[in-house]
Amino acid sequence: MTQALSHSIAVYPGTFDPIHRGHLDVIERGSRIFDRLVVGVGVNPDKATYFELAERVELVRQVIAPFANVTVESFTDLAVAFVRRTGARVMLRGLRTTSDMENEFTMSLMNQTLDPEIETMFLMAREVYSHVSSTLLRQIATFGGGLDKFLPAPVKEALEARVRQRKK
């Protein structure tokens, strides 16, 4: 039996490997729009992650603490199925570039086909975050570049430690 769906709950799914300030901006803005926001940390079989699922959940949990109406959960199936299980009717997604828009549009259409009762809502990235991606931040970390502008302190420390570990 599925839970009754609610417009006051939204789910922001992603791999968050690692979560960065652009993600946190979407979370902060989403927390003002919805009564409850669930950050869904998932598995993408097309991505090789730096952090295990439990580690990513813990990092997200640390940095969302200031948002009273935001929680984090992991999922290992389709995002649309996870959204349904939470009782939400809205999947929140962030858009940085026009290439994001093309990919997200395709994913949104597929999700709508899989579950027509779930809507996707897009928030445009603020200009200061429009170029930030977890992939680029992992590259910057690998080569010892500065991460302070992009990552909260606990995430920066975890990423730098992971890079050191991987180089051994």
Protein backbone atom coordinates (compact mmCIF):
# COMPACT_ATOMS: atom_id res chain seq x y z
CA MET A 1 0.00 0.00 0.00
CA THR A 2 1.46 3.37 -0.99
CA GLN A 3 1.38 6.50 1.11
CA ALA A 4 -0.98 9.36 0.22
CA LEU A 5 0.88 11.82 -1.97
CA SER A 6 1.56 15.34 -0.75
CA HIS A 7 2.42 18.63 -2.42
CA SER A 8 4.08 19.79 0.77
CA ILE A 9 6.86 17.20 0.45
CA ALA A 10 9.53 17.25 -2.23
CA VAL A 11 12.48 14.97 -2.89
CA TYR A 12 15.82 16.20 -4.19
CA PRO A 13 17.55 13.07 -5.53
CA GLY A 14 21.14 12.74 -6.65
CA THR A 15 24.42 10.95 -6.09
CA PHE A 16 25.98 13.89 -4.19
CA ASP A 17 29.55 12.64 -4.66
CA PRO A 18 30.33 14.96 -2.97
CA ILE A 19 27.61 17.38 -1.97
CA HIS A 20 28.72 20.96 -2.74
CA ARG A 21 27.54 24.53 -2.20
CA GLY A 22 25.48 24.45 -5.41
CA HIS A 23 23.54 21.48 -4.05
CA LEU A 24 23.15 23.26 -0.73
CA ASP A 25 21.76 26.31 -2.49
CA VAL A 26 19.05 24.16 -4.11
CA ILE A 27 18.37 22.52 -0.74
CA GLU A 28 18.09 25.87 1.04
CA ARG A 29 15.74 27.28 -1.61
CA GLY A 30 13.70 24.07 -1.73
CA SER A 31 13.36 24.11 2.06
CA ARG A 32 11.61 27.49 1.76
CA ILE A 33 9.22 26.27 -0.95
CA PHE A 34 8.17 22.96 0.62
CA ASP A 35 7.11 22.04 4.14
CA ARG A 36 9.45 19.05 4.02
CA LEU A 37 12.37 18.30 1.72
CA VAL A 38 13.97 14.88 1.54
CA VAL A 39 17.46 14.71 0.05
CA GLY A 40 17.64 11.30 -1.61
CA VAL A 41 21.19 10.03 -1.93
CA GLY A 42 21.18 7.36 -4.59
CA VAL A 43 23.19 5.02 -6.70
CA ASN A 44 23.79 5.70 -10.38
CA PRO A 45 25.12 2.59 -12.14
CA ASP A 46 26.77 4.85 -14.76
CA LYS A 47 28.90 6.68 -12.18
CA ALA A 48 31.96 5.47 -10.29
CA THR A 49 31.71 7.28 -6.97
CA TYR A 50 34.52 8.38 -4.67
CA PHE A 51 32.41 7.81 -1.57
CA GLU A 52 30.30 4.82 -0.60
CA LEU A 53 26.56 5.38 -0.24
CA ALA A 54 26.64 5.46 3.58
CA GLU A 55 29.51 7.99 3.51
CA ARG A 56 27.61 10.27 1.14
CA VAL A 57 24.51 10.08 3.33
CA GLU A 58 26.57 11.00 6.39
CA LEU A 59 28.22 13.97 4.62
CA VAL A 60 24.82 15.24 3.48
CA ARG A 61 23.43 14.77 6.99
CA GLN A 62 26.25 16.89 8.42
CA VAL A 63 25.72 19.83 6.08
CA ILE A 64 21.90 19.92 6.09
CA ALA A 65 21.74 20.17 9.89
CA PRO A 66 20.83 23.90 9.77
CA PHE A 67 17.64 23.14 7.81
CA ALA A 68 14.99 21.92 10.27
CA ASN A 69 12.62 20.66 7.57
CA VAL A 70 15.24 18.77 5.52
CA THR A 71 16.10 15.11 6.00
CA VAL A 72 18.32 12.68 4.10
CA GLU A 73 17.68 9.10 3.06
CA SER A 74 19.46 6.68 0.76
CA PHE A 75 17.88 4.78 -2.10
CA THR A 76 19.10 2.11 -4.48
CA ASP A 77 16.30 1.98 -7.04
CA LEU A 78 14.71 4.40 -9.48
CA ALA A 79 14.44 7.96 -8.17
CA VAL A 80 10.77 8.11 -9.15
CA ALA A 81 10.06 4.99 -7.06
CA PHE A 82 11.88 6.56 -4.10
CA VAL A 83 9.86 9.77 -4.48
CA ARG A 84 6.65 7.73 -4.44
CA ARG A 85 7.72 5.87 -1.27
CA THR A 86 8.31 9.15 0.58
CA GLY A 87 4.77 10.25 -0.15
CA ALA A 88 5.99 13.23 -2.19
CA ARG A 89 4.51 14.37 -5.48
CA VAL A 90 7.41 16.58 -6.47
CA MET A 91 10.95 15.74 -7.53
CA LEU A 92 13.20 18.76 -7.19
CA ARG A 93 16.11 19.11 -9.61
CA GLY A 94 18.76 21.77 -10.12
CA LEU A 95 19.76 23.08 -13.55
CA ARG A 96 23.17 24.60 -14.23
CA THR A 97 23.57 24.74 -18.00
CA THR A 98 21.66 24.13 -21.20
CA SER A 99 23.21 20.65 -21.42
CA ASP A 100 21.74 19.95 -17.96
CA MET A 101 18.40 21.11 -19.28
CA GLU A 102 18.49 18.67 -22.17
CA ASN A 103 19.40 15.72 -19.94
CA GLU A 104 16.95 16.68 -17.20
CA PHE A 105 14.13 17.19 -19.72
CA THR A 106 14.64 13.66 -21.04
CA MET A 107 14.77 12.23 -17.52
CA SER A 108 11.67 14.21 -16.53
CA LEU A 109 9.71 12.81 -19.47
CA MET A 110 10.74 9.27 -18.58
CA ASN A 111 9.82 9.78 -14.93
CA GLN A 112 6.46 11.20 -15.96
CA THR A 113 5.86 8.09 -18.08
CA LEU A 114 6.84 5.83 -15.17
CA ASP A 115 4.66 7.71 -12.66
CA PRO A 116 2.34 10.43 -14.06
CA GLU A 117 1.42 11.62 -10.55
CA ILE A 118 4.95 12.84 -9.81
CA GLU A 119 5.98 16.22 -11.14
CA THR A 120 9.52 17.49 -11.62
CA MET A 121 10.31 21.03 -10.49
CA PHE A 122 13.51 22.71 -11.66
CA LEU A 123 15.47 25.40 -9.86
CA MET A 124 18.05 27.27 -11.89
CA ALA A 125 21.49 27.40 -10.34
CA ARG A 126 22.58 30.78 -9.11
CA GLU A 127 25.27 32.19 -11.38
CA VAL A 128 27.98 31.67 -8.76
CA TYR A 129 27.27 27.90 -8.84
CA SER A 130 26.41 27.39 -12.51
CA HIS A 131 29.86 25.95 -13.30
CA VAL A 132 30.22 23.75 -10.20
CA SER A 133 29.93 19.99 -10.48
CA SER A 134 30.99 17.15 -8.23
CA THR A 135 33.09 15.75 -11.09
CA LEU A 136 35.07 18.99 -11.44
CA LEU A 137 35.52 19.24 -7.68
CA ARG A 138 36.94 15.71 -7.52
CA GLN A 139 39.40 16.71 -10.28
CA ILE A 140 40.39 19.89 -8.43
CA ALA A 141 40.92 17.88 -5.25
CA THR A 142 43.04 15.31 -7.10
CA PHE A 143 45.41 18.04 -8.26
CA GLY A 144 45.48 19.91 -4.95
CA GLY A 145 43.42 22.92 -6.00
CA GLY A 146 41.47 25.16 -3.65
CA LEU A 147 38.04 23.87 -2.64
CA ASP A 148 36.96 26.35 0.05
CA LYS A 149 34.66 28.29 -2.30
CA PHE A 150 32.83 25.16 -3.37
CA LEU A 151 32.59 22.76 -0.42
CA PRO A 152 31.51 23.04 3.20
CA ALA A 153 34.42 22.29 5.57
CA PRO A 154 33.45 18.71 6.55
CA VAL A 155 32.98 17.74 2.90
CA LYS A 156 36.24 19.40 1.85
CA GLU A 157 38.12 17.53 4.57
CA ALA A 158 36.51 14.21 3.60
CA LEU A 159 37.27 14.71 -0.10
CA GLU A 160 40.90 15.69 0.53
CA ALA A 161 41.32 12.64 2.80
CA ARG A 162 39.79 10.40 0.14
CA VAL A 163 42.12 11.75 -2.54
CA ARG A 164 45.14 11.13 -0.27
CA GLN A 165 43.89 7.59 0.37
CA ARG A 166 43.42 6.90 -3.35
CA LYS A 167 46.96 8.09 -4.16
CA LYS A 168 48.53 5.52 -1.82
